[in-house]
Amino acid sequence: MTAVSPEAVADASYALGLWTGWGLLHSVLATRRVKGAFEVALGPRYAFYPLAYTLVSLWTFWLVLVKEPDLPQVLWAVEGLPKILLYAAQGAGLAFLAWAGMSMSGLKLLGLSQLWSTVRGRMPEESDIHNDFSTRGAYALARHPMHAGGMLFLLAAPRQTLGGFVFAVFGCLYMLLGSLIEERRLSRELGSVWTDYVRRVPMFLPNLRKH
């Protein structure tokens, strides 16, 4: 394990600030008020907002990667059987995340389905929370399987640098906070449907005994 100097701690704080700024932008663009303003301004073209949101998110994510300081200090590195088990946990996290994307039409979430509809000369379908809400697949095991899979991947790294640790801390906190905010929104918009779903399905840790 490499000792972390005060300079490295300062750089890590700066990197965390950059990621926090990205998270705030990502969150603001997803709020109902901002999306409502774009819906009024764009009219039918608002169907492409998910794709624009995805592209802006990826572009700003890349900007943070370019701007953040290099933090190569190794905080921990495990070998042998623990390393294999952690890699297996990371693989399970990625698989759970991918399954969640397929369970809720990830292409529509990214805006790609709407783009494909336009290319084929069809009007893109508008988003409808009641139609889009899914309790199938991964969502039958956990209410936030994408976040659960993402956090498992970040937390199970067998080798972690200071830069990776900063991103893992940000990523886990961001996904946890995002899940709590999403729960409030879905409770407000879905009412008893959401209440029943919460009663049956855990937030992050799948209850495999029921399946």
C-alpha atoms as a PDB file:
ATOM      1  CA  MET A   1       0.000   0.000   0.000  1.00  0.00           C
ATOM      2  CA  THR A   2       1.392   3.378  -1.037  1.00  0.00           C
ATOM      3  CA  ALA A   3       1.464   6.249   1.441  1.00  0.00           C
ATOM      4  CA  VAL A   4      -0.744   9.145   0.360  1.00  0.00           C
ATOM      5  CA  SER A   5       0.906  12.563   0.540  1.00  0.00           C
ATOM      6  CA  PRO A   6      -0.933  15.794   1.428  1.00  0.00           C
ATOM      7  CA  GLU A   7      -0.559  16.866  -2.209  1.00  0.00           C
ATOM      8  CA  ALA A   8      -2.258  13.678  -3.355  1.00  0.00           C
ATOM      9  CA  VAL A   9      -5.094  14.257  -0.887  1.00  0.00           C
ATOM     10  CA  ALA A  10      -5.554  17.758  -2.300  1.00  0.00           C
ATOM     11  CA  ASP A  11      -5.629  16.372  -5.844  1.00  0.00           C
ATOM     12  CA  ALA A  12      -8.129  13.739  -4.753  1.00  0.00           C
ATOM     13  CA  SER A  13     -10.374  16.436  -3.285  1.00  0.00           C
ATOM     14  CA  TYR A  14     -10.174  18.363  -6.555  1.00  0.00           C
ATOM     15  CA  ALA A  15     -11.070  15.221  -8.524  1.00  0.00           C
ATOM     16  CA  LEU A  16     -14.028  14.565  -6.227  1.00  0.00           C
ATOM     17  CA  GLY A  17     -15.173  18.130  -6.819  1.00  0.00           C
ATOM     18  CA  LEU A  18     -15.030  17.612 -10.589  1.00  0.00           C
ATOM     19  CA  TRP A  19     -17.100  14.448 -10.366  1.00  0.00           C
ATOM     20  CA  THR A  20     -19.564  16.136  -8.035  1.00  0.00           C
ATOM     21  CA  GLY A  21     -19.992  18.928 -10.586  1.00  0.00           C
ATOM     22  CA  TRP A  22     -20.657  16.353 -13.283  1.00  0.00           C
ATOM     23  CA  GLY A  23     -23.184  14.658 -11.025  1.00  0.00           C
ATOM     24  CA  LEU A  24     -25.009  17.926 -10.372  1.00  0.00           C
ATOM     25  CA  LEU A  25     -25.237  18.709 -14.091  1.00  0.00           C
ATOM     26  CA  HIS A  26     -26.408  15.183 -14.822  1.00  0.00           C
ATOM     27  CA  SER A  27     -29.075  15.462 -12.113  1.00  0.00           C
ATOM     28  CA  VAL A  28     -30.309  18.954 -13.047  1.00  0.00           C
ATOM     29  CA  LEU A  29     -30.847  17.934 -16.675  1.00  0.00           C
ATOM     30  CA  ALA A  30     -32.964  15.006 -15.433  1.00  0.00           C
ATOM     31  CA  THR A  31     -35.292  17.063 -13.225  1.00  0.00           C
ATOM     32  CA  ARG A  32     -38.950  17.397 -14.156  1.00  0.00           C
ATOM     33  CA  ARG A  33     -38.721  21.199 -14.283  1.00  0.00           C
ATOM     34  CA  VAL A  34     -35.846  21.232 -16.781  1.00  0.00           C
ATOM     35  CA  LYS A  35     -37.351  18.469 -18.895  1.00  0.00           C
ATOM     36  CA  GLY A  36     -40.700  20.277 -18.824  1.00  0.00           C
ATOM     37  CA  ALA A  37     -39.049  23.454 -20.111  1.00  0.00           C
ATOM     38  CA  PHE A  38     -37.415  21.542 -22.957  1.00  0.00           C
ATOM     39  CA  GLU A  39     -40.694  19.805 -23.730  1.00  0.00           C
ATOM     40  CA  VAL A  40     -42.432  23.171 -24.168  1.00  0.00           C
ATOM     41  CA  ALA A  41     -39.554  24.554 -26.246  1.00  0.00           C
ATOM     42  CA  LEU A  42     -39.046  21.512 -28.474  1.00  0.00           C
ATOM     43  CA  GLY A  43     -42.589  20.267 -28.938  1.00  0.00           C
ATOM     44  CA  PRO A  44     -42.663  16.880 -30.746  1.00  0.00           C
ATOM     45  CA  ARG A  45     -38.864  16.939 -31.017  1.00  0.00           C
ATOM     46  CA  TYR A  46     -38.715  16.461 -27.243  1.00  0.00           C
ATOM     47  CA  ALA A  47     -38.798  12.722 -27.989  1.00  0.00           C
ATOM     48  CA  PHE A  48     -35.075  13.109 -28.741  1.00  0.00           C
ATOM     49  CA  TYR A  49     -34.288  14.563 -25.322  1.00  0.00           C
ATOM     50  CA  PRO A  50     -33.145  11.181 -23.885  1.00  0.00           C
ATOM     51  CA  LEU A  51     -30.600  10.825 -26.695  1.00  0.00           C
ATOM     52  CA  ALA A  52     -29.358  14.414 -26.249  1.00  0.00           C
ATOM     53  CA  TYR A  53     -29.165  13.813 -22.498  1.00  0.00           C
ATOM     54  CA  THR A  54     -27.079  10.687 -23.055  1.00  0.00           C
ATOM     55  CA  LEU A  55     -24.703  12.445 -25.465  1.00  0.00           C
ATOM     56  CA  VAL A  56     -24.226  15.448 -23.155  1.00  0.00           C
ATOM     57  CA  SER A  57     -23.626  13.122 -20.210  1.00  0.00           C
ATOM     58  CA  LEU A  58     -20.987  11.159 -22.120  1.00  0.00           C
ATOM     59  CA  TRP A  59     -19.279  14.303 -23.408  1.00  0.00           C
ATOM     60  CA  THR A  60     -19.084  15.939 -19.968  1.00  0.00           C
ATOM     61  CA  PHE A  61     -17.976  12.613 -18.445  1.00  0.00           C
ATOM     62  CA  TRP A  62     -15.086  12.571 -20.915  1.00  0.00           C
ATOM     63  CA  LEU A  63     -14.223  16.184 -20.042  1.00  0.00           C
ATOM     64  CA  VAL A  64     -13.935  15.285 -16.349  1.00  0.00           C
ATOM     65  CA  LEU A  65     -11.718  12.313 -17.215  1.00  0.00           C
ATOM     66  CA  VAL A  66      -9.432  14.633 -19.155  1.00  0.00           C
ATOM     67  CA  LYS A  67      -9.346  17.336 -16.490  1.00  0.00           C
ATOM     68  CA  GLU A  68      -8.993  15.240 -13.335  1.00  0.00           C
ATOM     69  CA  PRO A  69      -5.445  14.888 -11.924  1.00  0.00           C
ATOM     70  CA  ASP A  70      -3.541  11.639 -12.249  1.00  0.00           C
ATOM     71  CA  LEU A  71      -3.815   9.692  -8.994  1.00  0.00           C
ATOM     72  CA  PRO A  72      -1.924   6.397  -9.552  1.00  0.00           C
ATOM     73  CA  GLN A  73      -1.140   5.680  -5.880  1.00  0.00           C
ATOM     74  CA  VAL A  74      -2.180   2.089  -5.074  1.00  0.00           C
ATOM     75  CA  LEU A  75      -4.349   1.928  -1.958  1.00  0.00           C
ATOM     76  CA  TRP A  76      -4.747  -1.848  -1.920  1.00  0.00           C
ATOM     77  CA  ALA A  77      -4.129  -4.894  -4.086  1.00  0.00           C
ATOM     78  CA  VAL A  78      -5.199  -8.412  -3.162  1.00  0.00           C
ATOM     79  CA  GLU A  79      -3.984 -11.663  -4.707  1.00  0.00           C
ATOM     80  CA  GLY A  80      -4.926 -15.317  -4.784  1.00  0.00           C
ATOM     81  CA  LEU A  81      -8.431 -16.541  -4.046  1.00  0.00           C
ATOM     82  CA  PRO A  82      -9.707 -13.145  -2.725  1.00  0.00           C
ATOM     83  CA  LYS A  83      -8.720 -11.569  -6.045  1.00  0.00           C
ATOM     84  CA  ILE A  84     -10.641 -14.221  -7.985  1.00  0.00           C
ATOM     85  CA  LEU A  85     -13.702 -13.793  -5.768  1.00  0.00           C
ATOM     86  CA  LEU A  86     -13.654 -10.007  -6.169  1.00  0.00           C
ATOM     87  CA  TYR A  87     -13.370 -10.289  -9.946  1.00  0.00           C
ATOM     88  CA  ALA A  88     -16.327 -12.689  -9.866  1.00  0.00           C
ATOM     89  CA  ALA A  89     -18.288 -10.143  -7.817  1.00  0.00           C
ATOM     90  CA  GLN A  90     -17.459  -7.427 -10.341  1.00  0.00           C
ATOM     91  CA  GLY A  91     -18.610  -9.677 -13.171  1.00  0.00           C
ATOM     92  CA  ALA A  92     -21.853 -10.360 -11.340  1.00  0.00           C
ATOM     93  CA  GLY A  93     -22.347  -6.617 -10.870  1.00  0.00           C
ATOM     94  CA  LEU A  94     -21.866  -5.911 -14.580  1.00  0.00           C
ATOM     95  CA  ALA A  95     -24.176  -8.789 -15.514  1.00  0.00           C
ATOM     96  CA  PHE A  96     -26.882  -7.503 -13.146  1.00  0.00           C
ATOM     97  CA  LEU A  97     -26.523  -3.999 -14.588  1.00  0.00           C
ATOM     98  CA  ALA A  98     -26.778  -5.266 -18.178  1.00  0.00           C
ATOM     99  CA  TRP A  99     -29.768  -7.469 -17.314  1.00  0.00           C
ATOM    100  CA  ALA A 100     -31.485  -4.438 -15.787  1.00  0.00           C
ATOM    101  CA  GLY A 101     -30.919  -2.452 -18.972  1.00  0.00           C
ATOM    102  CA  MET A 102     -32.480  -5.210 -21.072  1.00  0.00           C
ATOM    103  CA  SER A 103     -35.360  -5.593 -18.602  1.00  0.00           C
ATOM    104  CA  MET A 104     -36.460  -1.979 -19.036  1.00  0.00           C
ATOM    105  CA  SER A 105     -35.642  -1.359 -22.694  1.00  0.00           C
ATOM    106  CA  GLY A 106     -32.262   0.257 -22.217  1.00  0.00           C
ATOM    107  CA  LEU A 107     -32.196   1.439 -25.838  1.00  0.00           C
ATOM    108  CA  LYS A 108     -35.235   3.622 -25.175  1.00  0.00           C
ATOM    109  CA  LEU A 109     -33.663   4.902 -21.967  1.00  0.00           C
ATOM    110  CA  LEU A 110     -30.608   6.019 -23.970  1.00  0.00           C
ATOM    111  CA  GLY A 111     -32.754   7.539 -26.708  1.00  0.00           C
ATOM    112  CA  LEU A 112     -31.621   5.077 -29.388  1.00  0.00           C
ATOM    113  CA  SER A 113     -35.082   3.581 -29.960  1.00  0.00           C
ATOM    114  CA  GLN A 114     -36.463   7.037 -30.691  1.00  0.00           C
ATOM    115  CA  LEU A 115     -33.656   7.701 -33.180  1.00  0.00           C
ATOM    116  CA  TRP A 116     -34.283   4.367 -34.903  1.00  0.00           C
ATOM    117  CA  SER A 117     -37.993   5.164 -35.198  1.00  0.00           C
ATOM    118  CA  THR A 118     -37.154   8.449 -36.918  1.00  0.00           C
ATOM    119  CA  VAL A 119     -34.730   6.783 -39.331  1.00  0.00           C
ATOM    120  CA  ARG A 120     -37.533   4.381 -40.274  1.00  0.00           C
ATOM    121  CA  GLY A 121     -39.925   7.299 -40.829  1.00  0.00           C
ATOM    122  CA  ARG A 122     -42.011   6.723 -37.713  1.00  0.00           C
ATOM    123  CA  MET A 123     -42.939   9.142 -34.951  1.00  0.00           C
ATOM    124  CA  PRO A 124     -40.952   8.346 -31.768  1.00  0.00           C
ATOM    125  CA  GLU A 125     -43.017   7.171 -28.814  1.00  0.00           C
ATOM    126  CA  GLU A 126     -43.345   9.667 -25.981  1.00  0.00           C
ATOM    127  CA  SER A 127     -42.205   8.653 -22.523  1.00  0.00           C
ATOM    128  CA  ASP A 128     -44.963   7.460 -20.189  1.00  0.00           C
ATOM    129  CA  ILE A 129     -44.022   6.435 -16.658  1.00  0.00           C
ATOM    130  CA  HIS A 130     -47.014   4.074 -16.367  1.00  0.00           C
ATOM    131  CA  ASN A 131     -46.113   2.264 -19.591  1.00  0.00           C
ATOM    132  CA  ASP A 132     -42.346   2.370 -19.035  1.00  0.00           C
ATOM    133  CA  PHE A 133     -42.440   1.168 -15.435  1.00  0.00           C
ATOM    134  CA  SER A 134     -41.267  -2.443 -15.313  1.00  0.00           C
ATOM    135  CA  THR A 135     -41.228  -5.096 -12.596  1.00  0.00           C
ATOM    136  CA  ARG A 136     -39.894  -7.824 -14.878  1.00  0.00           C
ATOM    137  CA  GLY A 137     -36.456  -9.380 -15.122  1.00  0.00           C
ATOM    138  CA  ALA A 138     -33.881  -7.800 -12.844  1.00  0.00           C
ATOM    139  CA  TYR A 139     -36.549  -5.458 -11.485  1.00  0.00           C
ATOM    140  CA  ALA A 140     -38.322  -8.444  -9.964  1.00  0.00           C
ATOM    141  CA  LEU A 141     -35.263  -8.948  -7.736  1.00  0.00           C
ATOM    142  CA  ALA A 142     -34.326  -5.356  -6.820  1.00  0.00           C
ATOM    143  CA  ARG A 143     -35.936  -1.947  -7.255  1.00  0.00           C
ATOM    144  CA  HIS A 144     -32.669  -0.392  -8.476  1.00  0.00           C
ATOM    145  CA  PRO A 145     -30.720  -3.213 -10.146  1.00  0.00           C
ATOM    146  CA  MET A 146     -28.627  -0.874 -12.320  1.00  0.00           C
ATOM    147  CA  HIS A 147     -27.374   0.991  -9.281  1.00  0.00           C
ATOM    148  CA  ALA A 148     -26.950  -2.229  -7.301  1.00  0.00           C
ATOM    149  CA  GLY A 149     -24.844  -3.738 -10.075  1.00  0.00           C
ATOM    150  CA  GLY A 150     -22.841  -0.541 -10.534  1.00  0.00           C
ATOM    151  CA  MET A 151     -22.054  -0.197  -6.840  1.00  0.00           C
ATOM    152  CA  LEU A 152     -21.037  -3.855  -6.569  1.00  0.00           C
ATOM    153  CA  PHE A 153     -18.635  -3.389  -9.477  1.00  0.00           C
ATOM    154  CA  LEU A 154     -17.068  -0.294  -7.913  1.00  0.00           C
ATOM    155  CA  LEU A 155     -16.781  -1.722  -4.408  1.00  0.00           C
ATOM    156  CA  ALA A 156     -15.354  -5.109  -5.416  1.00  0.00           C
ATOM    157  CA  ALA A 157     -12.182  -3.845  -7.121  1.00  0.00           C
ATOM    158  CA  PRO A 158      -9.301  -6.175  -6.136  1.00  0.00           C
ATOM    159  CA  ARG A 159      -6.784  -3.440  -6.963  1.00  0.00           C
ATOM    160  CA  GLN A 160      -7.598   0.170  -6.214  1.00  0.00           C
ATOM    161  CA  THR A 161      -5.704   3.364  -6.963  1.00  0.00           C
ATOM    162  CA  LEU A 162      -6.428   6.684  -5.297  1.00  0.00           C
ATOM    163  CA  GLY A 163      -8.078   7.923  -8.488  1.00  0.00           C
ATOM    164  CA  GLY A 164     -10.242   4.816  -8.694  1.00  0.00           C
ATOM    165  CA  PHE A 165     -11.164   5.152  -5.042  1.00  0.00           C
ATOM    166  CA  VAL A 166     -12.284   8.756  -5.538  1.00  0.00           C
ATOM    167  CA  PHE A 167     -14.496   7.717  -8.442  1.00  0.00           C
ATOM    168  CA  ALA A 168     -15.862   4.739  -6.476  1.00  0.00           C
ATOM    169  CA  VAL A 169     -16.792   6.965  -3.532  1.00  0.00           C
ATOM    170  CA  PHE A 170     -18.478   9.467  -5.822  1.00  0.00           C
ATOM    171  CA  GLY A 171     -20.204   6.762  -7.880  1.00  0.00           C
ATOM    172  CA  CYS A 172     -21.645   4.912  -4.887  1.00  0.00           C
ATOM    173  CA  LEU A 173     -22.866   8.073  -3.166  1.00  0.00           C
ATOM    174  CA  TYR A 174     -24.338   9.389  -6.406  1.00  0.00           C
ATOM    175  CA  MET A 175     -26.194   6.149  -7.145  1.00  0.00           C
ATOM    176  CA  LEU A 176     -27.454   5.883  -3.573  1.00  0.00           C
ATOM    177  CA  LEU A 177     -28.733   9.465  -3.570  1.00  0.00           C
ATOM    178  CA  GLY A 178     -30.184   9.042  -7.055  1.00  0.00           C
ATOM    179  CA  SER A 179     -32.057   5.943  -5.939  1.00  0.00           C
ATOM    180  CA  LEU A 180     -33.583   7.763  -2.963  1.00  0.00           C
ATOM    181  CA  ILE A 181     -34.695  10.680  -5.151  1.00  0.00           C
ATOM    182  CA  GLU A 182     -36.100   8.286  -7.753  1.00  0.00           C
ATOM    183  CA  GLU A 183     -38.061   6.481  -5.041  1.00  0.00           C
ATOM    184  CA  ARG A 184     -39.767   9.716  -4.016  1.00  0.00           C
ATOM    185  CA  ARG A 185     -40.614  10.566  -7.625  1.00  0.00           C
ATOM    186  CA  LEU A 186     -42.009   7.133  -8.434  1.00  0.00           C
ATOM    187  CA  SER A 187     -44.015   7.055  -5.219  1.00  0.00           C
ATOM    188  CA  ARG A 188     -45.593  10.374  -6.163  1.00  0.00           C
ATOM    189  CA  GLU A 189     -46.327   9.397  -9.778  1.00  0.00           C
ATOM    190  CA  LEU A 190     -47.287   5.717  -9.413  1.00  0.00           C
ATOM    191  CA  GLY A 191     -49.037   5.777  -6.043  1.00  0.00           C
ATOM    192  CA  SER A 192     -50.342   2.387  -4.907  1.00  0.00           C
ATOM    193  CA  VAL A 193     -48.554   0.587  -7.751  1.00  0.00           C
ATOM    194  CA  TRP A 194     -45.229   1.725  -6.338  1.00  0.00           C
ATOM    195  CA  THR A 195     -46.274   1.052  -2.736  1.00  0.00           C
ATOM    196  CA  ASP A 196     -47.110  -2.553  -3.589  1.00  0.00           C
ATOM    197  CA  TYR A 197     -43.832  -2.932  -5.498  1.00  0.00           C
ATOM    198  CA  VAL A 198     -41.817  -1.622  -2.533  1.00  0.00           C
ATOM    199  CA  ARG A 199     -43.553  -4.096  -0.250  1.00  0.00           C
ATOM    200  CA  ARG A 200     -42.570  -7.024  -2.483  1.00  0.00           C
ATOM    201  CA  VAL A 201     -39.110  -6.108  -3.802  1.00  0.00           C
ATOM    202  CA  PRO A 202     -36.015  -4.936  -1.843  1.00  0.00           C
ATOM    203  CA  MET A 203     -34.151  -1.767  -2.803  1.00  0.00           C
ATOM    204  CA  PHE A 204     -30.715  -3.166  -3.686  1.00  0.00           C
ATOM    205  CA  LEU A 205     -30.020  -6.657  -2.311  1.00  0.00           C
ATOM    206  CA  PRO A 206     -32.018  -9.287  -4.223  1.00  0.00           C
ATOM    207  CA  ASN A 207     -34.134 -11.597  -2.096  1.00  0.00           C
ATOM    208  CA  LEU A 208     -33.323 -14.811  -3.964  1.00  0.00           C
ATOM    209  CA  ARG A 209     -35.275 -16.994  -1.538  1.00  0.00           C
ATOM    210  CA  LYS A 210     -38.515 -15.783  -3.133  1.00  0.00           C
ATOM    211  CA  HIS A 211     -37.400 -16.839  -6.613  1.00  0.00           C
END
